[in-house]
N, C-alpha and C. Protein backbone atom coordinates (compact mmCIF):
# COMPACT_ATOMS: atom_id res chain seq x y z
N UNK A 1 -106.29 127.48 3.27
CA UNK A 1 -105.48 126.34 2.91
C UNK A 1 -105.85 125.87 1.51
N UNK A 2 -104.86 125.47 0.76
CA UNK A 2 -105.06 124.97 -0.59
C UNK A 2 -104.75 123.46 -0.61
N UNK A 3 -105.53 122.72 -1.38
CA UNK A 3 -105.28 121.29 -1.52
C UNK A 3 -104.37 121.03 -2.70
N UNK A 4 -103.45 120.11 -2.55
CA UNK A 4 -102.55 119.71 -3.62
C UNK A 4 -102.68 118.22 -3.84
N UNK A 5 -102.47 117.80 -5.09
CA UNK A 5 -102.54 116.39 -5.44
C UNK A 5 -101.17 115.96 -5.94
N UNK A 6 -100.65 114.86 -5.40
CA UNK A 6 -99.36 114.33 -5.82
C UNK A 6 -99.43 112.83 -6.00
N UNK A 7 -98.75 112.36 -7.02
CA UNK A 7 -98.59 110.93 -7.28
C UNK A 7 -97.34 110.49 -6.51
N UNK A 8 -97.43 109.38 -5.82
CA UNK A 8 -96.27 108.82 -5.12
C UNK A 8 -96.00 107.43 -5.69
N UNK A 9 -94.74 107.09 -5.78
CA UNK A 9 -94.33 105.78 -6.27
C UNK A 9 -93.66 105.02 -5.14
N UNK A 10 -94.13 103.82 -4.88
CA UNK A 10 -93.55 102.98 -3.84
C UNK A 10 -92.78 101.85 -4.51
N UNK A 11 -91.52 101.71 -4.14
CA UNK A 11 -90.68 100.65 -4.68
C UNK A 11 -90.31 99.70 -3.56
N UNK A 12 -90.67 98.43 -3.70
CA UNK A 12 -90.32 97.44 -2.69
C UNK A 12 -88.82 97.21 -2.73
N UNK A 13 -88.19 97.29 -1.60
CA UNK A 13 -86.74 97.13 -1.51
C UNK A 13 -86.38 95.68 -1.20
N UNK A 14 -85.27 95.17 -1.76
CA UNK A 14 -84.89 93.77 -1.53
C UNK A 14 -84.68 93.44 -0.06
N UNK A 15 -84.20 94.40 0.72
CA UNK A 15 -83.96 94.16 2.15
C UNK A 15 -85.22 94.37 2.99
N UNK A 16 -86.31 94.75 2.33
CA UNK A 16 -87.58 94.98 3.02
C UNK A 16 -87.95 96.45 3.03
N UNK A 17 -89.22 96.69 3.19
CA UNK A 17 -89.71 98.06 3.24
C UNK A 17 -89.89 98.65 1.86
N UNK A 18 -90.26 99.93 1.83
CA UNK A 18 -90.60 100.62 0.59
C UNK A 18 -89.95 101.99 0.55
N UNK A 19 -89.31 102.29 -0.57
CA UNK A 19 -88.82 103.62 -0.82
C UNK A 19 -89.91 104.37 -1.59
N UNK A 20 -90.18 105.59 -1.16
CA UNK A 20 -91.24 106.40 -1.77
C UNK A 20 -90.62 107.61 -2.44
N UNK A 21 -91.01 107.85 -3.69
CA UNK A 21 -90.58 109.06 -4.40
C UNK A 21 -91.83 109.81 -4.86
N UNK A 22 -91.66 111.12 -5.01
CA UNK A 22 -92.73 111.99 -5.49
C UNK A 22 -92.21 112.66 -6.75
N UNK A 23 -92.55 112.13 -7.93
CA UNK A 23 -91.95 112.62 -9.18
C UNK A 23 -92.07 114.13 -9.41
N UNK A 24 -93.14 114.75 -8.99
CA UNK A 24 -93.33 116.18 -9.22
C UNK A 24 -92.47 117.03 -8.28
N UNK A 25 -91.99 116.44 -7.20
CA UNK A 25 -91.17 117.17 -6.23
C UNK A 25 -89.77 116.55 -6.20
N UNK A 26 -88.87 117.01 -7.06
CA UNK A 26 -87.53 116.42 -7.16
C UNK A 26 -86.82 116.36 -5.82
N UNK A 27 -86.30 115.19 -5.49
CA UNK A 27 -85.58 115.02 -4.23
C UNK A 27 -86.47 114.68 -3.06
N UNK A 28 -87.77 114.64 -3.26
CA UNK A 28 -88.69 114.28 -2.17
C UNK A 28 -88.78 112.76 -2.12
N UNK A 29 -87.98 112.18 -1.23
CA UNK A 29 -87.86 110.73 -1.11
C UNK A 29 -87.95 110.37 0.36
N UNK A 30 -88.64 109.27 0.66
CA UNK A 30 -88.73 108.79 2.03
C UNK A 30 -88.84 107.27 2.01
N UNK A 31 -89.04 106.67 3.18
CA UNK A 31 -89.02 105.23 3.31
C UNK A 31 -89.98 104.81 4.41
N UNK A 32 -90.58 103.63 4.25
CA UNK A 32 -91.41 103.04 5.30
C UNK A 32 -91.28 101.54 5.30
N UNK A 33 -91.39 100.94 6.45
CA UNK A 33 -91.29 99.48 6.58
C UNK A 33 -92.48 98.78 5.94
N UNK A 34 -93.65 99.41 5.98
CA UNK A 34 -94.87 98.85 5.40
C UNK A 34 -95.46 99.87 4.43
N UNK A 35 -96.42 99.45 3.63
CA UNK A 35 -97.08 100.39 2.71
C UNK A 35 -97.74 101.51 3.51
N UNK A 36 -98.45 101.15 4.58
CA UNK A 36 -99.12 102.18 5.38
C UNK A 36 -98.13 103.18 5.97
N UNK A 37 -97.01 102.68 6.49
CA UNK A 37 -96.00 103.57 7.06
C UNK A 37 -95.38 104.42 5.95
N UNK A 38 -95.16 103.84 4.79
CA UNK A 38 -94.58 104.59 3.67
C UNK A 38 -95.49 105.75 3.26
N UNK A 39 -96.80 105.52 3.25
CA UNK A 39 -97.75 106.58 2.91
C UNK A 39 -97.73 107.69 3.95
N UNK A 40 -97.70 107.32 5.22
CA UNK A 40 -97.62 108.32 6.30
C UNK A 40 -96.35 109.15 6.14
N UNK A 41 -95.23 108.48 5.87
CA UNK A 41 -93.96 109.17 5.71
C UNK A 41 -93.98 110.07 4.48
N UNK A 42 -94.66 109.62 3.41
CA UNK A 42 -94.76 110.42 2.19
C UNK A 42 -95.53 111.71 2.47
N UNK A 43 -96.63 111.61 3.20
CA UNK A 43 -97.40 112.81 3.53
C UNK A 43 -96.56 113.80 4.32
N UNK A 44 -95.78 113.29 5.27
CA UNK A 44 -94.91 114.16 6.07
C UNK A 44 -93.84 114.81 5.19
N UNK A 45 -93.20 114.01 4.33
CA UNK A 45 -92.15 114.53 3.46
C UNK A 45 -92.69 115.59 2.51
N UNK A 46 -93.86 115.34 1.94
CA UNK A 46 -94.48 116.31 1.03
C UNK A 46 -94.80 117.61 1.78
N UNK A 47 -95.35 117.49 2.98
CA UNK A 47 -95.65 118.67 3.78
C UNK A 47 -94.42 119.51 4.05
N UNK A 48 -93.33 118.86 4.42
CA UNK A 48 -92.08 119.58 4.70
C UNK A 48 -91.51 120.20 3.42
N UNK A 49 -91.62 119.49 2.33
CA UNK A 49 -91.15 120.01 1.04
C UNK A 49 -91.90 121.28 0.67
N UNK A 50 -93.23 121.24 0.81
CA UNK A 50 -94.05 122.41 0.49
C UNK A 50 -93.71 123.58 1.42
N UNK A 51 -93.52 123.29 2.71
CA UNK A 51 -93.14 124.35 3.65
C UNK A 51 -91.85 125.04 3.20
N UNK A 52 -90.89 124.25 2.74
CA UNK A 52 -89.63 124.80 2.28
C UNK A 52 -89.82 125.67 1.04
N UNK A 53 -90.65 125.20 0.10
CA UNK A 53 -90.91 125.99 -1.10
C UNK A 53 -91.54 127.33 -0.73
N UNK A 54 -92.51 127.31 0.15
CA UNK A 54 -93.19 128.53 0.57
C UNK A 54 -92.21 129.47 1.28
N UNK A 55 -91.38 128.91 2.15
CA UNK A 55 -90.41 129.72 2.89
C UNK A 55 -89.42 130.41 1.96
N UNK A 56 -89.15 129.79 0.82
CA UNK A 56 -88.19 130.36 -0.14
C UNK A 56 -88.89 131.08 -1.30
N UNK A 57 -90.19 131.35 -1.11
CA UNK A 57 -90.99 132.05 -2.14
C UNK A 57 -90.90 131.39 -3.51
N UNK A 58 -90.90 130.06 -3.52
CA UNK A 58 -90.87 129.31 -4.77
C UNK A 58 -92.26 128.78 -5.06
N UNK A 59 -92.59 128.59 -6.33
CA UNK A 59 -93.92 128.06 -6.66
C UNK A 59 -94.08 126.62 -6.18
N UNK A 60 -95.30 126.27 -5.81
CA UNK A 60 -95.60 124.92 -5.36
C UNK A 60 -96.28 124.18 -6.51
N UNK A 61 -95.59 123.18 -7.08
CA UNK A 61 -96.18 122.44 -8.20
C UNK A 61 -97.33 121.54 -7.75
N UNK A 62 -98.17 121.18 -8.68
CA UNK A 62 -99.34 120.35 -8.40
C UNK A 62 -99.57 119.43 -9.59
N UNK A 63 -100.15 118.28 -9.37
CA UNK A 63 -100.43 117.33 -10.45
C UNK A 63 -101.91 117.28 -10.81
N UNK A 64 -102.65 118.30 -10.40
CA UNK A 64 -104.09 118.29 -10.61
C UNK A 64 -104.48 118.04 -12.06
N UNK A 65 -103.77 118.62 -13.00
CA UNK A 65 -104.11 118.48 -14.42
C UNK A 65 -103.23 117.47 -15.15
N UNK A 66 -102.58 116.57 -14.41
CA UNK A 66 -101.69 115.59 -15.01
C UNK A 66 -102.44 114.29 -15.27
N UNK A 67 -102.27 113.75 -16.47
CA UNK A 67 -102.81 112.44 -16.80
C UNK A 67 -101.68 111.43 -16.70
N UNK A 68 -102.02 110.22 -16.28
CA UNK A 68 -101.00 109.19 -16.14
C UNK A 68 -101.44 107.92 -16.85
N UNK A 69 -100.51 107.32 -17.55
CA UNK A 69 -100.74 106.04 -18.22
C UNK A 69 -99.63 105.09 -17.86
N UNK A 70 -99.95 103.82 -17.79
CA UNK A 70 -98.94 102.78 -17.62
C UNK A 70 -98.92 101.97 -18.91
N UNK A 71 -97.77 101.84 -19.51
CA UNK A 71 -97.63 101.12 -20.77
C UNK A 71 -96.85 99.84 -20.54
N UNK A 72 -97.28 98.75 -21.17
CA UNK A 72 -96.56 97.50 -21.11
C UNK A 72 -96.05 97.20 -22.52
N UNK A 73 -94.74 96.98 -22.64
CA UNK A 73 -94.13 96.73 -23.92
C UNK A 73 -93.33 95.44 -23.86
N UNK A 74 -93.20 94.79 -24.98
CA UNK A 74 -92.32 93.64 -25.08
C UNK A 74 -91.04 94.08 -25.75
N UNK A 75 -89.92 93.62 -25.25
CA UNK A 75 -88.64 93.99 -25.83
C UNK A 75 -87.69 92.80 -25.71
N UNK A 76 -86.88 92.63 -26.71
CA UNK A 76 -85.85 91.60 -26.68
C UNK A 76 -84.67 92.15 -25.90
N UNK A 77 -84.41 91.56 -24.76
CA UNK A 77 -83.27 92.00 -23.94
C UNK A 77 -82.38 90.83 -23.60
């Protein structure tokens, strides 16, 4: 078994709960009512996504060597 590292983004939804996206895996999106549930759902979605890639003999991307920064900017809007 190989370990993979993925960044997940949780967006709080106005109606409640969290939508989760995995930027490195296009289309890998899920939802959870709580942060903990969203993380559990993300792990499941990522696992299924990887299974599909393997089944179709496609490469499995990884974020192991990815650096991430958050920038705060001021803008007149």
